[in-house]
Amino acid sequence: MLLYPAIKDLLNQVPSRYMLVNMVANRARKLSSEAENSGEPLEEKAVSLAIHEVANGTLRVEDMEQEQEQEQNQDQDQAEA
């Protein structure tokens, strides 16, 4: 079974396998929850969609880092309140 996109192609977009797995998992969770909230089913599995976003360059390391920082700031604000 061949994987598309290939891991080596994905690693051209992301510096490490660990970061790739984290990015894809976080994005897949977000896609799943958005689909569940809207009531619309996904055409493909959330992980497949997230992998294609990495391969196409629409999901980047910088974007994920900014999103994680925003989530941490929101968590800190809620903890302080």
PDB file of N, CA and C in Angstrom:
ATOM      1  N   MET A   1       0.839  -1.175   0.000  1.00  0.00           N
ATOM      2  CA  MET A   1       0.000   0.000   0.000  1.00  0.00           C
ATOM      3  C   MET A   1       0.886   1.241   0.000  1.00  0.00           C
ATOM      4  N   LEU A   2       0.686   2.097  -0.952  1.00  0.00           N
ATOM      5  CA  LEU A   2       1.446   3.338  -1.044  1.00  0.00           C
ATOM      6  C   LEU A   2       0.691   4.444  -0.331  1.00  0.00           C
ATOM      7  N   LEU A   3       1.421   5.278   0.332  1.00  0.00           N
ATOM      8  CA  LEU A   3       0.817   6.406   1.023  1.00  0.00           C
ATOM      9  C   LEU A   3       0.964   7.650   0.175  1.00  0.00           C
ATOM     10  N   TYR A   4      -0.097   8.394   0.078  1.00  0.00           N
ATOM     11  CA  TYR A   4      -0.035   9.678  -0.591  1.00  0.00           C
ATOM     12  C   TYR A   4      -0.625  10.708   0.338  1.00  0.00           C
ATOM     13  N   PRO A   5       0.010  11.772   0.549  1.00  0.00           N
ATOM     14  CA  PRO A   5       1.358  12.095   0.118  1.00  0.00           C
ATOM     15  C   PRO A   5       2.399  11.320   0.929  1.00  0.00           C
ATOM     16  N   ALA A   6       3.547  11.145   0.351  1.00  0.00           N
ATOM     17  CA  ALA A   6       4.621  10.385   0.999  1.00  0.00           C
ATOM     18  C   ALA A   6       5.141  11.152   2.215  1.00  0.00           C
ATOM     19  N   ILE A   7       5.592  10.409   3.207  1.00  0.00           N
ATOM     20  CA  ILE A   7       6.125  11.008   4.433  1.00  0.00           C
ATOM     21  C   ILE A   7       7.275  11.960   4.111  1.00  0.00           C
ATOM     22  N   LYS A   8       8.144  11.563   3.190  1.00  0.00           N
ATOM     23  CA  LYS A   8       9.278  12.439   2.868  1.00  0.00           C
ATOM     24  C   LYS A   8       8.802  13.759   2.282  1.00  0.00           C
ATOM     25  N   ASP A   9       7.703  13.755   1.541  1.00  0.00           N
ATOM     26  CA  ASP A   9       7.150  15.003   1.007  1.00  0.00           C
ATOM     27  C   ASP A   9       6.567  15.859   2.126  1.00  0.00           C
ATOM     28  N   LEU A  10       5.912  15.218   3.089  1.00  0.00           N
ATOM     29  CA  LEU A  10       5.351  15.947   4.222  1.00  0.00           C
ATOM     30  C   LEU A  10       6.453  16.539   5.087  1.00  0.00           C
ATOM     31  N   LEU A  11       7.551  15.805   5.225  1.00  0.00           N
ATOM     32  CA  LEU A  11       8.655  16.286   6.051  1.00  0.00           C
ATOM     33  C   LEU A  11       9.402  17.448   5.404  1.00  0.00           C
ATOM     34  N   ASN A  12       9.152  17.702   4.123  1.00  0.00           N
ATOM     35  CA  ASN A  12       9.693  18.915   3.491  1.00  0.00           C
ATOM     36  C   ASN A  12       8.958  20.149   4.006  1.00  0.00           C
ATOM     37  N   GLN A  13       7.722  19.954   4.481  1.00  0.00           N
ATOM     38  CA  GLN A  13       6.901  21.053   4.988  1.00  0.00           C
ATOM     39  C   GLN A  13       7.068  21.252   6.498  1.00  0.00           C
ATOM     40  N   VAL A  14       7.432  20.168   7.207  1.00  0.00           N
ATOM     41  CA  VAL A  14       7.500  20.172   8.672  1.00  0.00           C
ATOM     42  C   VAL A  14       8.868  19.633   9.079  1.00  0.00           C
ATOM     43  N   PRO A  15       9.510  20.232  10.095  1.00  0.00           N
ATOM     44  CA  PRO A  15      10.881  19.844  10.431  1.00  0.00           C
ATOM     45  C   PRO A  15      11.062  18.463  11.054  1.00  0.00           C
ATOM     46  N   SER A  16      10.030  17.888  11.672  1.00  0.00           N
ATOM     47  CA  SER A  16      10.219  16.579  12.300  1.00  0.00           C
ATOM     48  C   SER A  16       8.928  15.759  12.242  1.00  0.00           C
ATOM     49  N   ARG A  17       9.084  14.454  12.360  1.00  0.00           N
ATOM     50  CA  ARG A  17       7.914  13.567  12.368  1.00  0.00           C
ATOM     51  C   ARG A  17       7.028  13.851  13.571  1.00  0.00           C
ATOM     52  N   TYR A  18       7.659  14.115  14.710  1.00  0.00           N
ATOM     53  CA  TYR A  18       6.912  14.402  15.920  1.00  0.00           C
ATOM     54  C   TYR A  18       5.999  15.608  15.710  1.00  0.00           C
ATOM     55  N   MET A  19       6.540  16.670  15.153  1.00  0.00           N
ATOM     56  CA  MET A  19       5.744  17.865  14.915  1.00  0.00           C
ATOM     57  C   MET A  19       4.661  17.594  13.873  1.00  0.00           C
ATOM     58  N   LEU A  20       4.975  16.811  12.868  1.00  0.00           N
ATOM     59  CA  LEU A  20       3.990  16.448  11.854  1.00  0.00           C
ATOM     60  C   LEU A  20       2.803  15.734  12.492  1.00  0.00           C
ATOM     61  N   VAL A  21       3.086  14.762  13.347  1.00  0.00           N
ATOM     62  CA  VAL A  21       2.013  14.006  14.007  1.00  0.00           C
ATOM     63  C   VAL A  21       1.167  14.935  14.871  1.00  0.00           C
ATOM     64  N   ASN A  22       1.815  15.819  15.622  1.00  0.00           N
ATOM     65  CA  ASN A  22       1.076  16.754  16.473  1.00  0.00           C
ATOM     66  C   ASN A  22       0.215  17.708  15.657  1.00  0.00           C
ATOM     67  N   MET A  23       0.771  18.235  14.581  1.00  0.00           N
ATOM     68  CA  MET A  23       0.019  19.159  13.737  1.00  0.00           C
ATOM     69  C   MET A  23      -1.199  18.483  13.134  1.00  0.00           C
ATOM     70  N   VAL A  24      -0.997  17.297  12.576  1.00  0.00           N
ATOM     71  CA  VAL A  24      -2.095  16.583  11.931  1.00  0.00           C
ATOM     72  C   VAL A  24      -3.159  16.203  12.953  1.00  0.00           C
ATOM     73  N   ALA A  25      -2.741  15.720  14.116  1.00  0.00           N
ATOM     74  CA  ALA A  25      -3.705  15.320  15.139  1.00  0.00           C
ATOM     75  C   ALA A  25      -4.527  16.515  15.626  1.00  0.00           C
ATOM     76  N   ASN A  26      -3.867  17.643  15.892  1.00  0.00           N
ATOM     77  CA  ASN A  26      -4.585  18.829  16.356  1.00  0.00           C
ATOM     78  C   ASN A  26      -5.568  19.333  15.308  1.00  0.00           C
ATOM     79  N   ARG A  27      -5.118  19.384  14.074  1.00  0.00           N
ATOM     80  CA  ARG A  27      -5.994  19.867  12.993  1.00  0.00           C
ATOM     81  C   ARG A  27      -7.158  18.900  12.770  1.00  0.00           C
ATOM     82  N   ALA A  28      -6.903  17.609  12.836  1.00  0.00           N
ATOM     83  CA  ALA A  28      -7.964  16.614  12.646  1.00  0.00           C
ATOM     84  C   ALA A  28      -9.017  16.752  13.749  1.00  0.00           C
ATOM     85  N   ARG A  29      -8.573  16.957  14.987  1.00  0.00           N
ATOM     86  CA  ARG A  29      -9.535  17.169  16.087  1.00  0.00           C
ATOM     87  C   ARG A  29     -10.385  18.398  15.842  1.00  0.00           C
ATOM     88  N   LYS A  30      -9.742  19.460  15.380  1.00  0.00           N
ATOM     89  CA  LYS A  30     -10.469  20.706  15.116  1.00  0.00           C
ATOM     90  C   LYS A  30     -11.475  20.513  13.980  1.00  0.00           C
ATOM     91  N   LEU A  31     -11.058  19.848  12.917  1.00  0.00           N
ATOM     92  CA  LEU A  31     -11.964  19.588  11.796  1.00  0.00           C
ATOM     93  C   LEU A  31     -13.159  18.752  12.243  1.00  0.00           C
ATOM     94  N   SER A  32     -12.892  17.734  13.062  1.00  0.00           N
ATOM     95  CA  SER A  32     -13.964  16.866  13.546  1.00  0.00           C
ATOM     96  C   SER A  32     -14.960  17.630  14.403  1.00  0.00           C
ATOM     97  N   SER A  33     -14.446  18.461  15.305  1.00  0.00           N
ATOM     98  CA  SER A  33     -15.356  19.198  16.188  1.00  0.00           C
ATOM     99  C   SER A  33     -16.152  20.241  15.405  1.00  0.00           C
ATOM    100  N   GLU A  34     -15.517  20.882  14.422  1.00  0.00           N
ATOM    101  CA  GLU A  34     -16.242  21.847  13.592  1.00  0.00           C
ATOM    102  C   GLU A  34     -17.348  21.154  12.799  1.00  0.00           C
ATOM    103  N   ALA A  35     -17.060  19.986  12.271  1.00  0.00           N
ATOM    104  CA  ALA A  35     -18.066  19.239  11.514  1.00  0.00           C
ATOM    105  C   ALA A  35     -19.204  18.789  12.428  1.00  0.00           C
ATOM    106  N   GLU A  36     -18.852  18.372  13.624  1.00  0.00           N
ATOM    107  CA  GLU A  36     -19.875  17.927  14.570  1.00  0.00           C
ATOM    108  C   GLU A  36     -20.766  19.094  14.994  1.00  0.00           C
ATOM    109  N   ASN A  37     -20.160  20.242  15.246  1.00  0.00           N
ATOM    110  CA  ASN A  37     -20.927  21.419  15.656  1.00  0.00           C
ATOM    111  C   ASN A  37     -21.846  21.923  14.548  1.00  0.00           C
ATOM    112  N   SER A  38     -21.385  21.838  13.317  1.00  0.00           N
ATOM    113  CA  SER A  38     -22.192  22.319  12.192  1.00  0.00           C
ATOM    114  C   SER A  38     -23.213  21.281  11.736  1.00  0.00           C
ATOM    115  N   GLY A  39     -23.005  20.039  12.122  1.00  0.00           N
ATOM    116  CA  GLY A  39     -23.933  18.980  11.726  1.00  0.00           C
ATOM    117  C   GLY A  39     -23.704  18.452  10.326  1.00  0.00           C
ATOM    118  N   GLU A  40     -22.623  18.879   9.697  1.00  0.00           N
ATOM    119  CA  GLU A  40     -22.317  18.412   8.346  1.00  0.00           C
ATOM    120  C   GLU A  40     -21.246  17.333   8.406  1.00  0.00           C
ATOM    121  N   PRO A  41     -21.477  16.204   7.749  1.00  0.00           N
ATOM    122  CA  PRO A  41     -20.453  15.146   7.764  1.00  0.00           C
ATOM    123  C   PRO A  41     -19.262  15.517   6.882  1.00  0.00           C
ATOM    124  N   LEU A  42     -18.103  15.012   7.257  1.00  0.00           N
ATOM    125  CA  LEU A  42     -16.896  15.226   6.460  1.00  0.00           C
ATOM    126  C   LEU A  42     -16.901  14.279   5.267  1.00  0.00           C
ATOM    127  N   GLU A  43     -16.415  14.744   4.142  1.00  0.00           N
ATOM    128  CA  GLU A  43     -16.345  13.906   2.949  1.00  0.00           C
ATOM    129  C   GLU A  43     -15.235  12.869   3.054  1.00  0.00           C
ATOM    130  N   GLU A  44     -14.170  13.222   3.758  1.00  0.00           N
ATOM    131  CA  GLU A  44     -13.054  12.312   4.004  1.00  0.00           C
ATOM    132  C   GLU A  44     -12.807  12.280   5.503  1.00  0.00           C
ATOM    133  N   LYS A  45     -11.964  11.349   5.925  1.00  0.00           N
ATOM    134  CA  LYS A  45     -11.601  11.302   7.333  1.00  0.00           C
ATOM    135  C   LYS A  45     -10.816  12.564   7.677  1.00  0.00           C
ATOM    136  N   ALA A  46     -10.983  13.016   8.927  1.00  0.00           N
ATOM    137  CA  ALA A  46     -10.360  14.254   9.361  1.00  0.00           C
ATOM    138  C   ALA A  46      -8.837  14.194   9.248  1.00  0.00           C
ATOM    139  N   VAL A  47      -8.255  13.045   9.551  1.00  0.00           N
ATOM    140  CA  VAL A  47      -6.797  12.908   9.457  1.00  0.00           C
ATOM    141  C   VAL A  47      -6.346  13.058   8.006  1.00  0.00           C
ATOM    142  N   SER A  48      -7.087  12.472   7.082  1.00  0.00           N
ATOM    143  CA  SER A  48      -6.737  12.597   5.660  1.00  0.00           C
ATOM    144  C   SER A  48      -6.807  14.050   5.208  1.00  0.00           C
ATOM    145  N   LEU A  49      -7.834  14.759   5.652  1.00  0.00           N
ATOM    146  CA  LEU A  49      -7.956  16.172   5.288  1.00  0.00           C
ATOM    147  C   LEU A  49      -6.788  16.980   5.845  1.00  0.00           C
ATOM    148  N   ALA A  50      -6.420  16.710   7.100  1.00  0.00           N
ATOM    149  CA  ALA A  50      -5.311  17.434   7.720  1.00  0.00           C
ATOM    150  C   ALA A  50      -3.992  17.139   7.011  1.00  0.00           C
ATOM    151  N   ILE A  51      -3.771  15.893   6.634  1.00  0.00           N
ATOM    152  CA  ILE A  51      -2.545  15.529   5.916  1.00  0.00           C
ATOM    153  C   ILE A  51      -2.478  16.252   4.570  1.00  0.00           C
ATOM    154  N   HIS A  52      -3.596  16.319   3.882  1.00  0.00           N
ATOM    155  CA  HIS A  52      -3.614  17.023   2.595  1.00  0.00           C
ATOM    156  C   HIS A  52      -3.363  18.519   2.784  1.00  0.00           C
ATOM    157  N   GLU A  53      -3.833  19.078   3.898  1.00  0.00           N
ATOM    158  CA  GLU A  53      -3.560  20.493   4.171  1.00  0.00           C
ATOM    159  C   GLU A  53      -2.063  20.728   4.363  1.00  0.00           C
ATOM    160  N   VAL A  54      -1.389  19.816   5.046  1.00  0.00           N
ATOM    161  CA  VAL A  54       0.066  19.940   5.219  1.00  0.00           C
ATOM    162  C   VAL A  54       0.750  19.826   3.860  1.00  0.00           C
ATOM    163  N   ALA A  55       0.350  18.847   3.075  1.00  0.00           N
ATOM    164  CA  ALA A  55       0.977  18.623   1.772  1.00  0.00           C
ATOM    165  C   ALA A  55       0.776  19.819   0.840  1.00  0.00           C
ATOM    166  N   ASN A  56      -0.404  20.441   0.902  1.00  0.00           N
ATOM    167  CA  ASN A  56      -0.697  21.587   0.037  1.00  0.00           C
ATOM    168  C   ASN A  56      -0.088  22.885   0.540  1.00  0.00           C
ATOM    169  N   GLY A  57       0.396  22.876   1.782  1.00  0.00           N
ATOM    170  CA  GLY A  57       0.981  24.078   2.355  1.00  0.00           C
ATOM    171  C   GLY A  57      -0.031  24.996   3.011  1.00  0.00           C
ATOM    172  N   THR A  58      -1.296  24.571   3.116  1.00  0.00           N
ATOM    173  CA  THR A  58      -2.293  25.414   3.772  1.00  0.00           C
ATOM    174  C   THR A  58      -2.232  25.300   5.283  1.00  0.00           C
ATOM    175  N   LEU A  59      -1.632  24.238   5.792  1.00  0.00           N
ATOM    176  CA  LEU A  59      -1.398  24.077   7.227  1.00  0.00           C
ATOM    177  C   LEU A  59       0.103  24.123   7.437  1.00  0.00           C
ATOM    178  N   ARG A  60       0.557  25.173   8.130  1.00  0.00           N
ATOM    179  CA  ARG A  60       1.991  25.387   8.306  1.00  0.00           C
ATOM    180  C   ARG A  60       2.351  25.355   9.783  1.00  0.00           C
ATOM    181  N   VAL A  61       3.613  25.126  10.066  1.00  0.00           N
ATOM    182  CA  VAL A  61       4.113  25.072  11.437  1.00  0.00           C
ATOM    183  C   VAL A  61       3.841  26.401  12.137  1.00  0.00           C
ATOM    184  N   GLU A  62       4.096  27.499  11.458  1.00  0.00           N
ATOM    185  CA  GLU A  62       3.918  28.817  12.059  1.00  0.00           C
ATOM    186  C   GLU A  62       2.478  29.044  12.485  1.00  0.00           C
ATOM    187  N   ASP A  63       1.547  28.608  11.646  1.00  0.00           N
ATOM    188  CA  ASP A  63       0.129  28.780  11.959  1.00  0.00           C
ATOM    189  C   ASP A  63      -0.254  27.980  13.203  1.00  0.00           C
ATOM    190  N   MET A  64       0.255  26.759  13.296  1.00  0.00           N
ATOM    191  CA  MET A  64      -0.061  25.912  14.449  1.00  0.00           C
ATOM    192  C   MET A  64       0.541  26.485  15.724  1.00  0.00           C
ATOM    193  N   GLU A  65       1.744  27.014  15.645  1.00  0.00           N
ATOM    194  CA  GLU A  65       2.384  27.602  16.823  1.00  0.00           C
ATOM    195  C   GLU A  65       1.604  28.813  17.306  1.00  0.00           C
ATOM    196  N   GLN A  66       1.150  29.658  16.387  1.00  0.00           N
ATOM    197  CA  GLN A  66       0.361  30.827  16.772  1.00  0.00           C
ATOM    198  C   GLN A  66      -0.959  30.403  17.400  1.00  0.00           C
ATOM    199  N   GLU A  67      -1.582  29.403  16.835  1.00  0.00           N
ATOM    200  CA  GLU A  67      -2.854  28.910  17.366  1.00  0.00           C
ATOM    201  C   GLU A  67      -2.678  28.335  18.769  1.00  0.00           C
ATOM    202  N   GLN A  68      -1.600  27.598  18.986  1.00  0.00           N
ATOM    203  CA  GLN A  68      -1.343  27.035  20.305  1.00  0.00           C
ATOM    204  C   GLN A  68      -1.072  28.132  21.328  1.00  0.00           C
ATOM    205  N   GLU A  69      -0.349  29.171  20.941  1.00  0.00           N
ATOM    206  CA  GLU A  69      -0.091  30.289  21.848  1.00  0.00           C
ATOM    207  C   GLU A  69      -1.397  30.984  22.232  1.00  0.00           C
ATOM    208  N   GLN A  70      -2.281  31.176  21.262  1.00  0.00           N
ATOM    209  CA  GLN A  70      -3.563  31.805  21.538  1.00  0.00           C
ATOM    210  C   GLN A  70      -4.390  30.957  22.502  1.00  0.00           C
ATOM    211  N   GLU A  71      -4.388  29.643  22.309  1.00  0.00           N
ATOM    212  CA  GLU A  71      -5.128  28.755  23.198  1.00  0.00           C
ATOM    213  C   GLU A  71      -4.554  28.797  24.610  1.00  0.00           C
ATOM    214  N   GLN A  72      -3.230  28.843  24.730  1.00  0.00           N
ATOM    215  CA  GLN A  72      -2.604  28.920  26.048  1.00  0.00           C
ATOM    216  C   GLN A  72      -2.958  30.230  26.743  1.00  0.00           C
ATOM    217  N   ASN A  73      -2.963  31.323  25.988  1.00  0.00           N
ATOM    218  CA  ASN A  73      -3.330  32.616  26.566  1.00  0.00           C
ATOM    219  C   ASN A  73      -4.777  32.614  27.037  1.00  0.00           C
ATOM    220  N   GLN A  74      -5.661  31.997  26.264  1.00  0.00           N
ATOM    221  CA  GLN A  74      -7.063  31.908  26.659  1.00  0.00           C
ATOM    222  C   GLN A  74      -7.211  31.064  27.923  1.00  0.00           C
ATOM    223  N   ASP A  75      -6.465  29.968  27.998  1.00  0.00           N
ATOM    224  CA  ASP A  75      -6.509  29.118  29.189  1.00  0.00           C
ATOM    225  C   ASP A  75      -6.020  29.869  30.419  1.00  0.00           C
ATOM    226  N   GLN A  76      -4.954  30.649  30.252  1.00  0.00           N
ATOM    227  CA  GLN A  76      -4.420  31.427  31.364  1.00  0.00           C
ATOM    228  C   GLN A  76      -5.421  32.499  31.811  1.00  0.00           C
ATOM    229  N   ASP A  77      -6.066  33.144  30.833  1.00  0.00           N
ATOM    230  CA  ASP A  77      -7.061  34.161  31.165  1.00  0.00           C
ATOM    231  C   ASP A  77      -8.236  33.554  31.925  1.00  0.00           C
ATOM    232  N   GLN A  78      -8.649  32.369  31.533  1.00  0.00           N
ATOM    233  CA  GLN A  78      -9.759  31.700  32.210  1.00  0.00           C
ATOM    234  C   GLN A  78      -9.345  31.263  33.611  1.00  0.00           C
ATOM    235  N   ALA A  79      -8.118  30.843  33.789  1.00  0.00           N
ATOM    236  CA  ALA A  79      -7.636  30.408  35.089  1.00  0.00           C
ATOM    237  C   ALA A  79      -7.536  31.593  36.052  1.00  0.00           C
ATOM    238  N   GLU A  80      -7.175  32.760  35.524  1.00  0.00           N
ATOM    239  CA  GLU A  80      -7.054  33.950  36.347  1.00  0.00           C
ATOM    240  C   GLU A  80      -8.415  34.520  36.734  1.00  0.00           C
ATOM    241  N   ALA A  81      -9.422  34.279  35.912  1.00  0.00           N
ATOM    242  CA  ALA A  81     -10.761  34.839  36.167  1.00  0.00           C
ATOM    243  C   ALA A  81     -11.509  34.089  37.237  1.00  0.00           C
TER     244      ALA A  81
END
